[in-house]
Protein backbone atom coordinates (compact mmCIF):
# COMPACT_ATOMS: atom_id res chain seq x y z
CA MET A 1 -66.82 -103.90 -82.97
CA ARG A 2 -66.82 -106.58 -80.30
CA LYS A 3 -63.85 -106.52 -77.95
CA SER A 4 -63.31 -110.23 -78.58
CA ASP A 5 -62.64 -109.38 -82.23
CA LEU A 6 -59.79 -107.04 -81.36
CA PRO A 7 -56.13 -108.10 -81.48
CA THR A 8 -54.32 -108.93 -78.28
CA LEU A 9 -52.44 -105.96 -76.79
CA LEU A 10 -48.92 -106.61 -75.51
CA LEU A 11 -47.49 -103.88 -73.26
CA VAL A 12 -43.70 -103.58 -72.98
CA HIS A 13 -42.31 -101.50 -70.11
CA GLY A 14 -39.32 -99.17 -70.21
CA ALA A 15 -35.99 -98.90 -68.41
CA TRP A 16 -35.93 -98.98 -64.59
CA HIS A 17 -39.57 -100.05 -64.60
CA ARG A 18 -41.19 -103.46 -64.27
CA LYS A 19 -44.27 -105.01 -65.81
CA GLU A 20 -46.47 -104.12 -62.83
CA MET A 21 -46.32 -100.45 -63.88
CA TRP A 22 -49.21 -101.01 -66.31
CA GLY A 23 -51.93 -101.58 -63.69
CA LYS A 24 -53.79 -98.28 -64.06
CA LEU A 25 -53.81 -98.49 -67.83
CA ILE A 26 -55.00 -102.10 -67.88
CA ASN A 27 -57.91 -101.12 -65.62
CA GLU A 28 -59.02 -98.72 -68.37
CA LEU A 29 -59.12 -101.54 -70.96
CA PRO A 30 -61.79 -103.94 -69.67
CA GLY A 31 -62.69 -106.82 -71.93
CA ILE A 32 -59.53 -106.48 -74.03
CA ASP A 33 -56.93 -109.24 -74.00
CA VAL A 34 -53.97 -107.36 -72.50
CA ARG A 35 -50.67 -109.01 -71.73
CA THR A 36 -47.40 -107.77 -70.28
CA VAL A 37 -43.80 -108.89 -70.39
CA GLN A 38 -40.89 -108.49 -67.98
CA LEU A 39 -37.67 -107.36 -69.64
CA PRO A 40 -34.47 -108.98 -68.35
CA SER A 41 -32.65 -105.63 -68.40
CA SER A 42 -34.61 -104.35 -65.39
CA ALA A 43 -35.88 -107.57 -63.84
CA PRO A 44 -36.08 -108.03 -60.05
CA VAL A 45 -32.72 -109.83 -59.89
CA PRO A 46 -29.27 -108.82 -58.57
CA PRO A 47 -27.86 -106.05 -60.79
CA ASP A 48 -25.02 -108.21 -62.09
CA GLN A 49 -27.60 -110.66 -63.47
CA LEU A 50 -29.52 -108.14 -65.57
CA GLY A 51 -29.82 -108.84 -69.29
CA GLY A 52 -29.09 -106.59 -72.26
CA LEU A 53 -30.97 -105.34 -75.30
CA TYR A 54 -30.70 -108.63 -77.19
CA ASP A 55 -32.03 -110.56 -74.20
CA ASP A 56 -34.95 -108.16 -74.02
CA ALA A 57 -35.61 -108.52 -77.75
CA GLU A 58 -35.72 -112.31 -77.45
CA VAL A 59 -38.23 -112.09 -74.60
CA VAL A 60 -40.47 -109.69 -76.55
CA ARG A 61 -40.37 -111.87 -79.66
CA ALA A 62 -41.15 -114.99 -77.65
CA ALA A 63 -44.14 -113.23 -76.05
CA VAL A 64 -45.50 -112.16 -79.43
CA ASP A 65 -45.00 -115.61 -80.94
CA ALA A 66 -46.73 -117.22 -77.94
CA ILE A 67 -49.86 -115.09 -78.37
CA GLY A 68 -50.73 -117.09 -81.46
CA ARG A 69 -53.24 -114.59 -82.83
CA PRO A 70 -53.12 -111.02 -84.21
CA CYS A 71 -51.52 -108.60 -81.79
CA VAL A 72 -50.63 -104.96 -81.32
CA VAL A 73 -47.50 -104.16 -79.31
CA ALA A 74 -47.30 -100.96 -77.27
CA PRO A 75 -43.87 -100.26 -75.77
CA HIS A 76 -43.06 -97.39 -73.45
CA SER A 77 -39.78 -95.44 -73.65
CA TYR A 78 -36.81 -97.86 -73.77
CA GLY A 79 -39.27 -100.70 -74.40
CA ALA A 80 -39.45 -99.51 -78.01
CA VAL A 81 -35.80 -100.55 -78.51
CA PRO A 82 -36.25 -104.32 -77.97
CA VAL A 83 -39.54 -104.10 -79.88
CA THR A 84 -37.67 -102.49 -82.78
CA GLN A 85 -34.94 -105.13 -82.58
CA GLY A 86 -37.05 -108.19 -81.93
CA LEU A 87 -40.17 -107.98 -84.06
CA PRO A 88 -39.22 -107.77 -87.76
CA GLY A 89 -40.85 -110.79 -89.39
CA ALA A 90 -43.34 -111.52 -86.57
CA ALA A 91 -46.22 -113.00 -88.53
CA ASN A 92 -49.02 -112.04 -86.12
CA LEU A 93 -47.86 -108.46 -85.43
CA ARG A 94 -50.42 -105.99 -86.79
CA ARG A 95 -48.97 -102.69 -85.57
CA VAL A 96 -46.72 -101.01 -83.02
CA VAL A 97 -47.93 -98.12 -80.87
CA SER A 98 -44.88 -96.46 -79.34
CA ILE A 99 -45.48 -94.47 -76.14
CA CYS A 100 -42.75 -91.87 -75.62
CA GLY A 101 -40.50 -94.41 -77.29
CA TRP A 102 -36.88 -94.63 -78.37
CA LEU A 103 -37.51 -95.60 -82.00
CA LEU A 104 -33.91 -96.29 -82.94
CA ASP A 105 -32.48 -97.17 -86.32
CA VAL A 106 -29.99 -99.85 -87.35
CA GLY A 107 -26.55 -99.09 -85.92
CA GLU A 108 -27.87 -96.94 -83.07
CA SER A 109 -27.97 -97.59 -79.36
CA LEU A 110 -29.83 -95.63 -76.73
CA LEU A 111 -26.53 -94.22 -75.49
CA SER A 112 -25.26 -93.31 -78.96
CA VAL A 113 -28.26 -91.11 -79.78
CA ILE A 114 -27.80 -89.03 -76.62
CA GLY A 115 -24.14 -88.28 -77.25
CA GLY A 116 -22.36 -91.47 -76.27
CA LYS A 117 -22.36 -91.09 -72.49
CA PRO A 118 -24.95 -91.32 -69.71
CA THR A 119 -26.80 -88.20 -68.62
CA GLU A 120 -26.26 -86.79 -65.16
CA TRP A 121 -29.49 -88.39 -63.96
CA MET A 122 -28.48 -91.95 -64.95
CA PRO A 123 -25.09 -92.54 -63.31
CA GLU A 124 -23.33 -95.81 -64.07
CA MET A 125 -22.87 -97.95 -60.99
CA GLU A 126 -20.36 -100.67 -60.21
CA GLY A 127 -21.65 -103.95 -61.57
CA GLY A 128 -22.83 -102.68 -64.95
CA TRP A 129 -26.07 -100.89 -64.23
CA TYR A 130 -27.55 -97.39 -64.26
CA ASP A 131 -29.29 -95.72 -61.37
CA MET A 132 -32.10 -93.17 -61.87
CA THR A 133 -31.55 -90.14 -59.64
CA SER A 134 -34.29 -87.78 -60.88
CA PRO A 135 -37.44 -89.84 -61.50
CA ARG A 136 -39.75 -87.02 -60.47
CA GLU A 137 -38.36 -84.59 -63.05
CA ILE A 138 -37.77 -87.12 -65.85
CA PHE A 139 -40.73 -89.50 -65.55
CA TYR A 140 -43.46 -88.05 -63.34
CA ALA A 141 -43.41 -84.25 -63.56
CA ASP A 142 -47.17 -83.97 -64.10
CA MET A 143 -48.11 -86.14 -61.11
CA SER A 144 -48.64 -85.20 -57.47
CA GLU A 145 -45.66 -85.44 -55.15
CA GLU A 146 -47.28 -88.39 -53.39
CA ASP A 147 -48.07 -90.31 -56.58
CA ALA A 148 -44.66 -89.56 -58.08
CA ALA A 149 -42.91 -90.80 -54.94
CA ALA A 150 -44.96 -94.00 -54.96
CA ALA A 151 -44.09 -94.64 -58.60
CA ALA A 152 -40.40 -93.90 -58.03
CA ALA A 153 -40.32 -96.38 -55.16
CA THR A 154 -41.06 -99.22 -57.60
CA LEU A 155 -38.06 -98.52 -59.83
CA GLY A 156 -34.99 -100.73 -59.93
CA PRO A 157 -31.62 -100.88 -61.70
CA THR A 158 -31.42 -101.04 -65.48
CA SER A 159 -28.48 -102.61 -67.26
CA VAL A 160 -25.72 -100.79 -69.09
CA ALA A 161 -25.89 -103.42 -71.85
CA SER A 162 -29.48 -102.48 -72.65
CA CYS A 163 -28.34 -98.95 -73.45
CA THR A 164 -25.08 -99.73 -75.26
CA GLU A 165 -25.93 -102.71 -77.47
CA THR A 166 -26.85 -101.53 -80.96
CA VAL A 167 -29.96 -102.17 -83.01
CA THR A 168 -29.30 -104.54 -85.94
CA GLN A 169 -32.79 -104.48 -87.48
CA ALA A 170 -35.75 -102.12 -87.15
CA VAL A 171 -39.39 -103.13 -87.21
CA TRP A 172 -40.42 -99.65 -88.34
CA ARG A 173 -38.49 -100.23 -91.58
CA THR A 174 -40.80 -103.15 -92.41
CA GLU A 175 -44.42 -103.05 -93.59
CA VAL A 176 -45.82 -102.99 -90.04
CA PRO A 177 -47.77 -99.76 -89.35
CA ILE A 178 -46.21 -97.62 -86.60
CA THR A 179 -48.03 -95.07 -84.46
CA ALA A 180 -45.87 -92.97 -82.13
CA ILE A 181 -47.15 -90.93 -79.19
CA TYR A 182 -44.97 -88.29 -77.59
CA ALA A 183 -45.59 -86.26 -74.42
CA GLU A 184 -45.75 -82.54 -75.11
CA ASP A 185 -44.37 -81.30 -71.80
CA GLU A 186 -41.67 -83.76 -70.86
CA VAL A 187 -38.01 -82.86 -70.48
CA MET A 188 -36.99 -84.40 -73.82
CA ALA A 189 -40.18 -83.65 -75.79
CA PRO A 190 -38.45 -82.29 -78.96
CA PHE A 191 -36.14 -85.31 -79.03
CA PHE A 192 -38.96 -87.84 -78.80
CA LYS A 193 -41.02 -85.90 -81.33
CA ASN A 194 -38.11 -86.09 -83.79
CA LEU A 195 -37.75 -89.85 -83.28
CA ALA A 196 -41.50 -90.27 -83.78
CA GLU A 197 -41.56 -88.23 -86.98
CA ARG A 198 -38.59 -90.17 -88.37
CA ALA A 199 -40.03 -93.61 -87.76
CA ALA A 200 -43.82 -93.52 -87.52
CA ASP A 201 -46.64 -93.52 -90.04
CA THR A 202 -48.84 -91.64 -87.55
CA VAL A 203 -47.62 -89.24 -84.85
CA LEU A 204 -49.89 -88.32 -81.93
CA SER A 205 -49.29 -86.29 -78.78
CA LEU A 206 -50.59 -86.11 -75.25
CA PRO A 207 -50.13 -83.28 -72.77
CA GLY A 208 -47.96 -83.91 -69.76
CA SER A 209 -44.79 -85.79 -68.96
CA HIS A 210 -43.14 -89.10 -69.80
CA SER A 211 -45.56 -91.51 -68.08
CA PRO A 212 -49.11 -91.13 -69.44
CA PHE A 213 -49.84 -94.73 -68.41
CA LEU A 214 -49.88 -93.36 -64.84
CA ALA A 215 -50.84 -89.70 -65.26
CA ARG A 216 -53.42 -90.05 -68.06
CA PRO A 217 -54.42 -93.71 -68.25
CA ALA A 218 -57.92 -93.06 -69.62
CA GLU A 219 -56.64 -90.84 -72.44
CA LEU A 220 -53.93 -93.31 -73.35
CA ALA A 221 -56.39 -96.21 -73.21
CA ALA A 222 -58.68 -94.41 -75.66
CA ILE A 223 -55.82 -94.10 -78.15
CA LEU A 224 -54.91 -97.76 -77.75
CA ARG A 225 -58.52 -98.86 -78.28
CA ASP A 226 -58.61 -96.85 -81.50
CA GLU A 227 -55.38 -98.48 -82.64
CA LEU A 228 -56.67 -101.96 -81.85
CA GLU A 229 -59.87 -101.27 -83.80
CA GLN A 230 -57.90 -99.96 -86.76
CA ALA A 231 -55.68 -103.03 -86.70
CA ALA A 232 -58.75 -105.28 -86.64
CA ARG A 233 -60.27 -103.50 -89.64
CA GLU A 234 -57.06 -103.87 -91.62
CA ALA A 235 -56.63 -107.57 -90.87
């Protein structure tokens, strides 16, 4: 199948991260139309200007609508929440490929599914944002110290509103096919596996920690190419 026949791939980053995080993965997808989006909840703005979940969902939906051709959306981690919220009814959406994603249901927020309060590694700061105090352990445990430190240096604040606003609609409860990938060795592996099995039509796994787009970009790219080809065949 020619790469020009494949759907566009939209990558949606997670909390604390920014759209530039996808560089290594994009390099493994030559010839494919890959696009990224910057979520307002962790944008490079003063912390008191960060957006919430609903702002993020509007940005994701606008990006999908603007593509104007069949697309596959691949969110990472928190990015699955605005994708879940924002994409029911998107006419050109062919499938969602969740990467270690928070596939929440209607009535849930990220905070509610972890017990209603922030974990010790995401303290709430004055101004309505969360810090990330253990990126090495939570995000990058399977990377070298040097690479993990470089990745952690790119992180910024993420908004409290993104984690407390509740999902009001869920794309995985529509007819859109959902594939969910979880990381076998990350801190919250059983939790993400349970979310995947609840929401997805297909559940896949990769070894390693929470950030395969950095630690295993070639392996992740191979999965995404397969998903794009499957979406093209089903169109």
